[in-house]
Amino acid sequence: MKSAASDIVPEWAPDPSVLPDWFTEALAVPREEGFVTVDGVRMHYFRWGNPAAPPVLMTHGFLSHARCFAFIAPFLAADYHLVAYDLSGMGDSEVRPDCDMTARGREMIGIAKALGLFGQASKPIVVAHSFGSAVALRALELAPDAFGGAAICDMMILRPSALEEYWSMGRTSPGSGDPNRPHRRYPDFPSARKRYVLSPPQPVGEPFLMDYMAYHALCREGIDWTWKFSPAVFKRDNSHRLWLEIGPRVVAAPGRRAIIHGAESQLFTSDSRRYLDELGGGDIPVIAVPEARHHLMLDQPLAFAAALRAVLEQWSKSD
């Protein structure tokens, strides 16, 4: 396994000496980086920890990439075997033609199989953020006996009346976009960095992490910079109907589920917890991370890692 020290580069961190010790130490934890082919598509992943330890499969939100866990997973690597991967068409994974949510669910199952996460003493636990949680939900539905549980991290779960209000304000559902719009090109990283924004818009608790995430969301094409993700990822059903079904599907999903959300999130609120209770999900643990919004790992990375550890340890004890 190799160190991740190459993540610290002048383009995004002009003065690496100002980075906090916890971050540089996390990136120094050995990791494996590689590619596997799942249903004909080349998929990018990272791996930490001992492959004989309980397995954890991590994935990110829409248009993000696996490095959102690169400074989280190392805090768990002493006790778990962790894999984080780029969803197809995002990060460094190839685009998957006609990739609906069922295809993405199968892709998650395929990643776990290709990297040897099945067939161990413990079933793999999924840790997924935002859009990645919808992927995890579909994977659990497709393979109800394959996984040991899912930690759903700030997925948009709002009761129908709250969703209607959300849409009435002119907001689009997460993951909306034009698949035919070509990427813009930028002459240098600072110019491109200015165009990197979060959805929903928010400030972050650790601003340097925005620079890190932006750098790895971009790539060079000739002398220009542009985005890594493929516009083709917008070719999917993102109708209101699907979002109205999310709450009931989370409650009905097979296996163990836990929800970790930002205490100040717009997408999972205190009313979201009440809504799940009303649907029959009162047995689903819900952990609110203080002073965090939707992008937990950018707001409160250490508290987020601690919340994940609490869930993983509780489930490990009950296996």
Protein backbone atom coordinates (compact mmCIF):
# COMPACT_ATOMS: atom_id res chain seq x y z
CA MET A 1 0.00 0.00 0.00
CA LYS A 2 1.23 3.49 -0.69
CA SER A 3 1.12 6.79 1.15
CA ALA A 4 -1.17 9.55 -0.01
CA ALA A 5 1.37 12.33 0.47
CA SER A 6 1.03 13.19 -3.22
CA ASP A 7 -2.42 14.63 -2.42
CA ILE A 8 -0.67 17.66 -0.90
CA VAL A 9 0.39 19.67 -3.94
CA PRO A 10 1.09 23.38 -4.60
CA GLU A 11 -1.91 23.85 -6.92
CA TRP A 12 -4.45 23.51 -4.14
CA ALA A 13 -2.31 24.10 -1.02
CA PRO A 14 0.14 26.92 -1.73
CA ASP A 15 1.43 26.66 1.85
CA PRO A 16 1.10 23.05 3.09
CA SER A 17 2.63 24.09 6.42
CA VAL A 18 -0.66 25.70 7.45
CA LEU A 19 -2.64 22.46 7.04
CA PRO A 20 -3.73 20.96 10.37
CA ASP A 21 -1.76 18.00 11.71
CA TRP A 22 -4.83 15.74 11.76
CA PHE A 23 -5.24 16.18 8.00
CA THR A 24 -1.63 15.58 6.97
CA GLU A 25 -1.43 12.62 9.34
CA ALA A 26 -4.62 11.17 7.85
CA LEU A 27 -3.26 11.48 4.31
CA ALA A 28 -0.02 9.81 5.41
CA VAL A 29 -1.85 6.63 6.41
CA PRO A 30 -0.97 3.97 3.80
CA ARG A 31 -3.63 3.27 1.23
CA GLU A 32 -4.03 1.34 -1.98
CA GLU A 33 -5.29 3.10 -5.09
CA GLY A 34 -6.41 1.24 -8.18
CA PHE A 35 -9.04 0.35 -10.75
CA VAL A 36 -11.37 -2.61 -11.21
CA THR A 37 -13.76 -3.35 -14.06
CA VAL A 38 -17.43 -3.70 -13.16
CA ASP A 39 -19.78 -4.69 -15.99
CA GLY A 40 -17.34 -3.36 -18.56
CA VAL A 41 -16.67 -0.02 -16.87
CA ARG A 42 -13.31 0.92 -15.30
CA MET A 43 -13.90 2.01 -11.72
CA HIS A 44 -11.50 3.92 -9.47
CA TYR A 45 -11.12 3.10 -5.77
CA PHE A 46 -9.03 3.57 -2.62
CA ARG A 47 -8.49 0.96 0.07
CA TRP A 48 -7.29 1.31 3.70
CA GLY A 49 -6.70 -1.10 6.55
CA ASN A 50 -6.32 -4.85 6.93
CA PRO A 51 -8.32 -6.88 4.36
CA ALA A 52 -9.07 -9.38 7.13
CA ALA A 53 -10.83 -6.73 9.23
CA PRO A 54 -14.58 -6.02 9.03
CA PRO A 55 -15.30 -4.50 5.60
CA VAL A 56 -16.75 -1.04 4.97
CA LEU A 57 -17.73 0.29 1.53
CA MET A 58 -17.92 4.08 1.16
CA THR A 59 -19.29 6.27 -1.59
CA HIS A 60 -19.88 9.94 -2.19
CA GLY A 61 -22.52 12.42 -3.28
CA PHE A 62 -23.49 13.65 -6.73
CA LEU A 63 -20.59 15.12 -8.78
CA SER A 64 -18.23 14.51 -5.86
CA HIS A 65 -15.51 11.85 -5.63
CA ALA A 66 -14.03 9.25 -3.31
CA ARG A 67 -11.50 11.65 -1.82
CA CYS A 68 -14.27 13.09 0.35
CA PHE A 69 -13.46 10.03 2.50
CA ALA A 70 -9.67 10.21 2.06
CA PHE A 71 -9.33 12.19 5.29
CA ILE A 72 -12.11 10.27 7.10
CA ALA A 73 -11.33 6.60 6.41
CA PRO A 74 -7.79 6.76 7.91
CA PHE A 75 -9.31 7.36 11.37
CA LEU A 76 -11.05 3.98 11.05
CA ALA A 77 -8.29 2.05 9.27
CA ALA A 78 -6.82 0.46 12.42
CA ASP A 79 -10.00 -1.53 12.97
CA TYR A 80 -11.73 -1.84 9.60
CA HIS A 81 -11.04 -2.71 5.97
CA LEU A 82 -12.34 0.33 4.08
CA VAL A 83 -12.92 0.87 0.38
CA ALA A 84 -14.06 4.19 -1.12
CA TYR A 85 -14.89 4.36 -4.81
CA ASP A 86 -15.83 6.91 -7.45
CA LEU A 87 -19.31 6.47 -8.83
CA SER A 88 -19.27 5.90 -12.59
CA GLY A 89 -19.02 9.12 -14.56
CA MET A 90 -17.57 10.94 -11.55
CA GLY A 91 -14.09 11.29 -10.13
CA ASP A 92 -11.71 8.99 -12.00
CA SER A 93 -14.26 6.29 -12.87
CA GLU A 94 -15.42 5.88 -16.44
CA VAL A 95 -18.95 6.82 -17.40
CA ARG A 96 -21.53 4.02 -17.51
CA PRO A 97 -23.93 4.22 -20.49
CA ASP A 98 -27.62 4.58 -19.58
CA CYS A 99 -26.84 4.59 -15.87
CA ASP A 100 -30.09 4.59 -13.92
CA MET A 101 -30.29 3.98 -10.18
CA THR A 102 -30.68 0.23 -10.61
CA ALA A 103 -27.46 0.17 -12.64
CA ARG A 104 -25.74 2.15 -9.89
CA GLY A 105 -27.02 -0.28 -7.26
CA ARG A 106 -25.63 -3.18 -9.26
CA GLU A 107 -22.41 -1.25 -9.64
CA MET A 108 -22.06 -0.97 -5.85
CA ILE A 109 -22.62 -4.71 -5.50
CA GLY A 110 -20.08 -5.28 -8.28
CA ILE A 111 -17.45 -3.12 -6.58
CA ALA A 112 -17.87 -5.04 -3.32
CA LYS A 113 -17.54 -8.34 -5.17
CA ALA A 114 -14.55 -7.27 -7.29
CA LEU A 115 -12.62 -6.08 -4.22
CA GLY A 116 -13.33 -9.14 -2.13
CA LEU A 117 -15.66 -7.59 0.44
CA PHE A 118 -18.13 -10.47 0.31
CA GLY A 119 -17.49 -13.88 1.83
CA GLN A 120 -15.74 -12.59 4.94
CA ALA A 121 -16.73 -13.18 8.56
CA SER A 122 -18.64 -9.88 8.52
CA LYS A 123 -20.81 -8.57 5.73
CA PRO A 124 -19.72 -5.18 4.30
CA ILE A 125 -21.30 -2.12 5.85
CA VAL A 126 -22.05 0.72 3.46
CA VAL A 127 -21.26 4.33 4.36
CA ALA A 128 -22.79 6.67 1.79
CA HIS A 129 -23.28 10.42 1.56
CA SER A 130 -26.20 12.22 -0.09
CA PHE A 131 -26.80 10.83 -3.62
CA GLY A 132 -24.56 7.90 -2.72
CA SER A 133 -27.13 6.97 -0.07
CA ALA A 134 -29.76 6.54 -2.79
CA VAL A 135 -27.32 4.22 -4.56
CA ALA A 136 -26.83 2.28 -1.31
CA LEU A 137 -30.58 2.05 -0.78
CA ARG A 138 -31.01 0.52 -4.23
CA ALA A 139 -28.13 -1.92 -3.62
CA LEU A 140 -29.77 -3.09 -0.38
CA GLU A 141 -33.05 -3.62 -2.22
CA LEU A 142 -31.33 -5.60 -4.99
CA ALA A 143 -29.21 -7.74 -2.64
CA PRO A 144 -30.99 -7.78 0.74
CA ASP A 145 -28.71 -10.41 2.27
CA ALA A 146 -25.38 -9.12 0.94
CA PHE A 147 -24.68 -6.17 3.23
CA GLY A 148 -24.36 -5.77 6.98
CA GLY A 149 -26.09 -2.41 7.08
CA ALA A 150 -25.99 1.12 5.70
CA ALA A 151 -24.99 4.38 7.35
CA ILE A 152 -27.01 6.96 5.41
CA CYS A 153 -25.25 10.32 5.63
CA ASP A 154 -27.39 13.41 5.10
CA MET A 155 -29.61 12.07 2.36
CA MET A 156 -32.54 14.33 1.49
CA ILE A 157 -35.45 12.85 3.45
CA LEU A 158 -38.32 15.33 3.80
CA ARG A 159 -42.03 14.73 4.29
CA PRO A 160 -44.15 15.40 1.17
CA SER A 161 -45.38 18.80 2.37
CA ALA A 162 -41.80 19.93 3.04
CA LEU A 163 -40.71 18.71 -0.39
CA GLU A 164 -43.53 20.59 -2.07
CA GLU A 165 -42.48 23.74 -0.22
CA TYR A 166 -38.85 23.11 -1.23
CA TRP A 167 -39.79 22.84 -4.90
CA SER A 168 -42.19 25.80 -4.72
CA MET A 169 -39.23 28.03 -3.88
CA GLY A 170 -37.76 27.27 -7.29
CA ARG A 171 -35.24 24.75 -6.01
CA THR A 172 -34.43 21.74 -8.14
CA SER A 173 -34.04 18.24 -6.78
CA PRO A 174 -30.45 17.25 -5.95
CA GLY A 175 -28.59 16.00 -8.99
CA SER A 176 -30.45 18.03 -11.59
CA GLY A 177 -28.58 19.31 -14.64
CA ASP A 178 -28.30 19.45 -18.42
CA PRO A 179 -26.64 16.37 -19.95
CA ASN A 180 -26.04 18.23 -23.22
CA ARG A 181 -24.19 21.18 -21.75
CA PRO A 182 -20.43 20.88 -22.41
CA HIS A 183 -17.94 21.58 -19.66
CA ARG A 184 -16.42 25.01 -19.36
CA ARG A 185 -12.67 25.29 -19.62
CA TYR A 186 -10.43 27.45 -17.46
CA PRO A 187 -6.89 28.74 -18.05
CA ASP A 188 -5.59 27.76 -14.60
CA PHE A 189 -6.59 26.10 -11.34
CA PRO A 190 -7.42 29.35 -9.44
CA SER A 191 -9.91 30.32 -12.17
CA ALA A 192 -11.56 26.90 -12.04
CA ARG A 193 -11.50 26.84 -8.24
CA LYS A 194 -13.71 29.95 -8.15
CA ARG A 195 -16.40 27.99 -9.99
CA TYR A 196 -16.41 25.07 -7.55
CA VAL A 197 -19.54 25.35 -5.40
CA LEU A 198 -21.53 23.05 -3.16
CA SER A 199 -25.12 21.93 -3.56
CA PRO A 200 -27.06 23.01 -1.63
CA PRO A 201 -24.96 26.17 -1.24
CA GLN A 202 -23.30 26.49 2.15
CA PRO A 203 -20.14 27.74 3.85
CA VAL A 204 -17.89 25.01 5.24
CA GLY A 205 -16.31 24.60 8.64
CA GLU A 206 -12.90 23.69 7.16
CA PRO A 207 -12.38 25.93 4.08
CA PHE A 208 -9.08 24.29 3.05
CA LEU A 209 -11.03 21.10 2.39
CA MET A 210 -12.96 22.91 -0.33
CA ASP A 211 -9.65 23.56 -2.09
CA TYR A 212 -8.72 19.90 -1.75
CA MET A 213 -12.05 18.65 -3.07
CA ALA A 214 -12.06 21.17 -5.92
CA TYR A 215 -8.57 20.21 -7.04
CA HIS A 216 -9.53 16.55 -7.34
CA ALA A 217 -12.83 17.36 -9.07
CA LEU A 218 -10.82 18.93 -11.90
CA CYS A 219 -8.34 17.71 -14.49
CA ARG A 220 -6.03 19.20 -17.08
CA GLU A 221 -6.91 18.93 -20.75
CA GLY A 222 -3.99 20.34 -22.67
CA ILE A 223 -3.24 23.71 -21.10
CA ASP A 224 -6.77 24.14 -19.73
CA TRP A 225 -8.56 22.89 -16.63
CA THR A 226 -12.03 21.34 -16.72
CA TRP A 227 -14.32 19.10 -14.66
CA LYS A 228 -13.77 15.36 -14.33
CA PHE A 229 -17.41 14.33 -14.15
CA SER A 230 -19.27 13.45 -17.34
CA PRO A 231 -22.39 15.49 -18.23
CA ALA A 232 -23.96 12.12 -19.08
CA VAL A 233 -24.57 11.54 -15.35
CA PHE A 234 -27.54 13.91 -15.64
CA LYS A 235 -29.29 11.43 -17.97
CA ARG A 236 -31.46 9.82 -15.30
CA ASP A 237 -34.91 9.92 -13.81
CA ASN A 238 -34.84 12.66 -11.17
CA SER A 239 -38.58 13.18 -10.92
CA HIS A 240 -40.41 14.46 -7.84
CA ARG A 241 -42.02 11.04 -7.51
CA LEU A 242 -38.69 9.43 -6.67
CA TRP A 243 -37.98 11.89 -3.86
CA LEU A 244 -41.47 11.44 -2.44
CA GLU A 245 -40.74 7.71 -2.17
CA ILE A 246 -37.42 8.04 -0.33
CA GLY A 247 -38.77 8.13 3.24
CA PRO A 248 -40.93 5.00 2.91
CA ARG A 249 -38.11 3.18 1.09
CA VAL A 250 -35.59 3.95 3.84
CA VAL A 251 -37.99 2.57 6.44
CA ALA A 252 -38.75 -0.54 4.36
CA ALA A 253 -35.14 -1.24 3.32
CA PRO A 254 -33.73 -4.58 4.48
CA GLY A 255 -31.11 -4.82 7.19
CA ARG A 256 -29.66 -2.34 9.63
CA ARG A 257 -29.81 1.35 8.85
CA ALA A 258 -28.51 4.39 10.67
CA ILE A 259 -28.74 8.03 9.72
CA ILE A 260 -25.97 10.57 10.33
CA HIS A 261 -26.85 14.13 9.40
CA GLY A 262 -25.73 17.68 9.92
CA ALA A 263 -27.57 19.33 12.79
CA GLU A 264 -27.96 22.39 10.52
CA SER A 265 -28.74 20.48 7.32
CA GLN A 266 -31.49 21.67 4.99
CA LEU A 267 -32.04 18.17 3.63
CA PHE A 268 -32.47 16.17 6.84
CA THR A 269 -34.07 18.16 9.65
CA SER A 270 -35.58 17.49 13.06
CA ASP A 271 -38.91 17.10 11.25
CA SER A 272 -37.31 14.46 9.01
CA ARG A 273 -36.77 12.34 12.12
CA ARG A 274 -40.38 12.77 13.16
CA TYR A 275 -41.49 11.87 9.64
CA LEU A 276 -39.49 8.62 9.71
CA ASP A 277 -40.96 7.78 13.11
CA GLU A 278 -44.47 8.28 11.71
CA LEU A 279 -43.60 5.92 8.84
CA GLY A 280 -42.53 3.22 11.29
CA GLY A 281 -38.79 3.92 11.34
CA GLY A 282 -38.50 4.69 15.04
CA ASP A 283 -35.89 1.93 15.41
CA ILE A 284 -33.45 3.62 13.01
CA PRO A 285 -30.68 5.37 14.99
CA VAL A 286 -30.30 9.03 14.04
CA ILE A 287 -27.13 10.97 14.90
CA ALA A 288 -26.94 14.74 14.41
CA VAL A 289 -23.44 16.16 14.00
CA PRO A 290 -23.33 19.56 15.76
CA GLU A 291 -22.41 22.65 13.69
CA ALA A 292 -22.53 20.64 10.45
CA ARG A 293 -24.66 21.20 7.38
CA HIS A 294 -25.17 18.85 4.45
CA HIS A 295 -21.47 18.37 3.68
CA LEU A 296 -20.56 16.77 6.99
CA MET A 297 -16.99 15.88 6.11
CA LEU A 298 -16.20 19.46 5.12
CA ASP A 299 -17.86 21.03 8.16
CA GLN A 300 -16.94 18.73 11.04
CA PRO A 301 -14.66 15.98 9.71
CA LEU A 302 -13.46 14.72 13.09
CA ALA A 303 -16.95 14.66 14.59
CA PHE A 304 -18.22 12.90 11.47
CA ALA A 305 -15.50 10.25 11.77
CA ALA A 306 -16.43 9.76 15.43
CA ALA A 307 -20.11 9.32 14.53
CA LEU A 308 -19.21 6.71 11.92
CA ARG A 309 -17.07 4.86 14.43
CA ALA A 310 -19.94 4.78 16.91
CA VAL A 311 -22.24 3.15 14.35
CA LEU A 312 -19.63 0.68 13.11
CA GLU A 313 -18.62 -0.39 16.60
CA GLN A 314 -22.23 -0.90 17.69
CA TRP A 315 -22.97 -3.05 14.67
CA SER A 316 -19.70 -4.98 15.04
CA LYS A 317 -20.64 -5.91 18.61
CA SER A 318 -23.98 -7.31 17.49
CA ASP A 319 -22.56 -9.48 14.68
